[in-house]
Protein backbone atom coordinates (compact mmCIF):
# COMPACT_ATOMS: atom_id res chain seq x y z
CA SER A 1 -3.91 -0.67 -11.68
CA PHE A 2 -0.20 0.55 -10.65
CA LYS A 3 1.78 3.79 -9.87
CA THR A 4 4.87 3.13 -11.57
CA ALA A 5 6.65 0.67 -14.37
CA VAL A 6 9.53 0.32 -16.17
CA VAL A 7 10.38 -2.11 -19.00
CA ALA A 8 13.64 -4.34 -18.87
CA ASN A 9 14.65 -7.59 -20.62
CA ARG A 10 11.47 -7.83 -22.59
CA ARG A 11 9.18 -7.38 -19.60
CA VAL A 12 7.06 -4.94 -17.57
CA TYR A 13 7.77 -4.50 -14.11
CA ILE A 14 4.87 -2.37 -12.07
CA GLY A 15 4.86 -1.29 -8.71
CA ASN A 16 2.62 -0.25 -6.15
CA VAL A 17 -0.11 -2.35 -7.35
CA LYS A 18 -4.35 -2.89 -6.94
CA ILE A 19 -5.82 -6.17 -7.37
CA GLY A 20 -9.45 -5.57 -7.05
CA ASN A 21 -10.05 -3.61 -4.28
CA LYS A 22 -6.31 -4.31 -2.21
CA VAL A 23 -3.61 -2.11 -2.61
CA PHE A 24 -0.42 -3.71 -2.22
CA ALA A 25 1.91 -0.63 -1.84
CA ASP A 26 4.97 -2.82 -1.46
CA ARG A 27 4.35 -5.22 -4.00
CA MET A 28 6.13 -5.28 -7.47
CA MET A 29 5.01 -7.62 -10.43
CA LYS A 30 6.06 -8.54 -13.64
CA SER A 31 4.42 -9.64 -17.25
CA PRO A 32 5.48 -12.71 -18.89
CA ALA A 33 8.49 -11.95 -21.59
CA GLY A 34 7.08 -10.17 -24.56
CA GLN A 35 3.49 -9.87 -23.09
CA PHE A 36 3.54 -6.51 -21.91
CA ASP A 37 0.02 -6.21 -21.09
CA LYS A 38 -0.27 -9.43 -18.61
CA PHE A 39 0.17 -9.59 -14.96
CA PRO A 40 -0.44 -13.01 -13.77
CA SER A 41 -0.94 -13.08 -9.97
CA VAL A 42 1.68 -15.78 -9.32
CA ASN A 43 4.42 -13.39 -11.17
CA HIS A 44 4.98 -11.33 -7.86
CA ILE A 45 8.11 -10.07 -6.19
CA ASP A 46 7.86 -8.93 -2.75
CA VAL A 47 11.13 -7.42 -1.25
CA ALA A 48 10.23 -6.32 1.78
CA THR A 49 6.71 -6.48 2.64
CA ASN A 50 4.65 -4.67 5.72
CA ASP A 51 7.56 -2.40 6.30
CA GLY A 52 5.38 0.82 6.29
CA ASP A 53 6.79 2.01 3.33
CA GLU A 54 5.28 2.13 -0.22
CA ILE A 55 6.79 1.96 -3.76
CA VAL A 56 7.33 5.40 -5.28
CA VAL A 57 9.42 4.35 -8.47
CA LEU A 58 10.88 1.60 -10.53
CA GLN A 59 14.10 2.34 -12.92
CA GLU A 60 16.11 0.09 -14.87
CA PHE A 61 20.04 -0.02 -15.52
CA ALA A 62 22.40 -2.50 -16.18
CA ASP A 63 20.23 -5.81 -15.63
CA ARG A 64 19.00 -4.34 -12.35
CA ILE A 65 15.73 -2.87 -11.18
CA LEU A 66 16.01 0.23 -8.67
CA GLN A 67 13.12 -0.12 -6.52
CA PHE A 68 12.86 3.09 -4.59
CA LYS A 69 10.34 3.16 -1.76
CA GLN A 70 10.25 6.24 0.36
CA ASN A 71 13.15 5.49 2.91
CA VAL A 72 14.79 2.63 1.13
CA LEU A 73 16.34 1.67 -2.09
CA TYR A 74 16.50 -2.01 -3.24
CA ILE A 75 18.61 -2.93 -6.07
CA ILE A 76 17.03 -6.06 -7.72
CA ASN A 77 19.27 -8.42 -10.31
CA ILE A 78 17.22 -9.46 -12.73
CA ALA A 79 19.81 -10.98 -15.15
CA GLY A 80 19.05 -14.49 -14.57
CA ALA A 81 16.02 -16.39 -14.62
CA ILE A 82 15.07 -15.63 -11.22
CA GLU A 83 15.32 -12.01 -9.89
CA PHE A 84 17.10 -11.86 -6.53
CA LEU A 85 17.73 -8.64 -4.20
CA GLU A 86 21.59 -7.57 -4.72
CA SER A 87 21.64 -4.78 -1.68
CA GLU A 88 19.48 -2.33 0.37
CA HIS A 89 20.23 0.88 0.78
CA LYS A 90 18.42 2.73 3.78
CA PHE A 91 17.72 6.29 3.47
CA LYS A 92 18.21 6.64 0.02
CA GLY A 93 14.69 6.43 -0.81
CA VAL A 94 12.57 9.18 -2.81
CA ASN A 95 9.01 10.42 -2.16
CA HIS A 96 8.36 11.59 -5.73
CA TRP A 97 8.92 10.02 -9.04
CA GLY A 98 10.28 13.00 -10.29
CA ALA A 99 13.26 12.91 -7.91
CA VAL A 100 15.11 10.00 -10.35
CA CYS A 101 16.31 10.37 -13.83
CA ARG A 102 17.84 7.79 -16.05
CA THR A 103 21.40 9.33 -17.56
CA ASP A 104 24.15 7.86 -19.85
CA TYR A 105 26.30 6.92 -16.83
CA GLY A 106 23.50 5.25 -14.37
CA VAL A 107 20.48 6.46 -12.43
CA ALA A 108 20.54 9.61 -10.61
CA TRP A 109 18.36 10.50 -7.92
CA ALA A 110 18.13 13.02 -4.85
CA ASN A 111 16.62 12.92 -1.56
CA GLN A 112 16.67 15.15 1.83
CA ASN A 113 20.10 13.42 2.65
CA GLY A 114 22.11 13.63 -0.48
CA CYS A 115 22.53 13.35 -4.35
CA TYR A 116 23.12 10.00 -5.65
CA LEU A 117 24.06 7.92 -8.91
CA TYR A 118 24.14 4.13 -9.43
CA ASP A 119 26.40 3.24 -12.22
CA GLY A 120 25.32 -0.56 -12.58
CA GLN A 121 27.94 -1.20 -9.80
CA ALA A 122 27.73 0.95 -6.83
CA VAL A 123 25.64 3.71 -5.33
CA THR A 124 27.84 7.00 -5.20
CA ASP A 125 27.11 10.11 -2.98
CA LEU A 126 27.79 13.20 -5.41
CA LEU A 127 27.97 15.38 -2.38
CA GLU A 128 30.68 13.61 -0.93
CA ASP A 129 34.54 13.50 -2.55
CA GLY A 130 36.97 11.62 -0.56
CA GLY A 131 34.70 11.09 2.61
CA ILE A 132 34.40 15.25 2.54
CA ARG A 133 30.91 16.96 2.12
CA LYS A 134 31.02 19.32 -0.64
CA ILE A 135 27.45 20.97 0.30
CA ASN A 136 26.52 21.39 4.10
CA ALA A 137 23.59 18.92 5.15
CA GLY A 138 21.36 21.52 6.27
CA VAL A 139 21.58 23.50 3.25
CA TRP A 140 21.52 20.98 1.17
CA ALA A 141 17.91 19.79 3.19
CA SER A 142 16.82 23.25 2.58
CA HIS A 143 17.30 23.11 -0.97
CA ILE A 144 15.27 20.00 -1.36
CA SER A 145 12.38 20.72 1.16
CA THR A 146 10.15 18.15 2.53
CA ASP A 147 7.21 19.08 -0.06
CA GLY A 148 8.29 16.63 -2.60
CA LYS A 149 8.48 19.21 -5.56
CA HIS A 150 12.47 18.95 -6.02
CA ARG A 151 13.30 17.28 -9.50
CA VAL A 152 16.55 15.59 -10.94
CA GLY A 153 17.17 15.92 -14.46
CA PHE A 154 20.11 15.19 -17.08
CA ASN A 155 21.66 17.25 -19.58
CA PRO A 156 23.37 15.02 -22.09
CA SER A 157 24.80 17.29 -24.34
CA LYS A 158 26.83 18.49 -21.31
CA THR A 159 26.92 15.38 -19.30
CA GLN A 160 25.07 17.11 -15.99
CA ILE A 161 23.02 16.14 -13.54
CA VAL A 162 20.57 19.13 -12.64
CA VAL A 163 18.86 19.16 -9.22
CA ARG A 164 16.09 21.75 -9.07
CA GLY A 165 15.05 22.55 -5.41
CA GLY A 166 11.26 22.25 -4.03
CA GLY A 167 9.76 24.67 -1.86
CA GLY A 168 9.10 26.97 -4.45
CA THR A 169 12.36 27.84 -5.39
CA ARG A 170 14.06 28.07 -8.68
CA ALA A 171 17.23 27.52 -7.48
CA ALA A 172 19.18 24.48 -8.94
CA TYR A 173 22.51 22.44 -8.36
CA VAL A 174 24.31 21.22 -11.24
CA PHE A 175 26.66 18.34 -11.16
CA ASP A 176 29.02 17.81 -13.86
CA LEU A 177 29.92 14.31 -14.83
C-alpha cells in the first residue's frame, strides 16, 4: 500500500509505501513502463532515507517528480532512463496533500513559510517581489496555521492560485498569475 501516487512517463510513482508489515515512509517506487499496477521491489528510489521525514505528496511537472516531505521538497529529474536528484529545497515541504496543486503554469503549494510555484525550471516564492515580502511572515503563518487544514487550488478561467487558510478560517489569499 502507499499514501501518494502520480503518473508520469507511462509509469506510476508511489510514495510512503508499506511492504508486508514494514512502512518505508521515505521510499518512492515506480512501476515498469505501461504496467501501472506492478511495483517490483528493485524499482525503488530512495532520495533521502532515515531523515525522520516522510513523503506527503508526489506531483509531476516538466519531466520532474516533486517529492514533498513535511520539511523538504526534492525535485527528481525523470527525463532519462535513470532518475536523479536535481535539487533540494529545505523549508518548502508540506504537511498535507491538499496544500499542493497543479496549474497550467506549474505546481503551486503553500506552507508556514510561504506560497511557491515551480515552473519546470525554478521555485519562485509568490510572497516576494524583488526581494521584498508582500505579506508579513507572522500574518501568513497565522493564515496557514499548523493544523494542516489549509488548501491550495487553481482557478484556470481567471489564472489564479487560491490559498484558503487553516484553523477554521474561511479567508483566502488569491494570487493572480
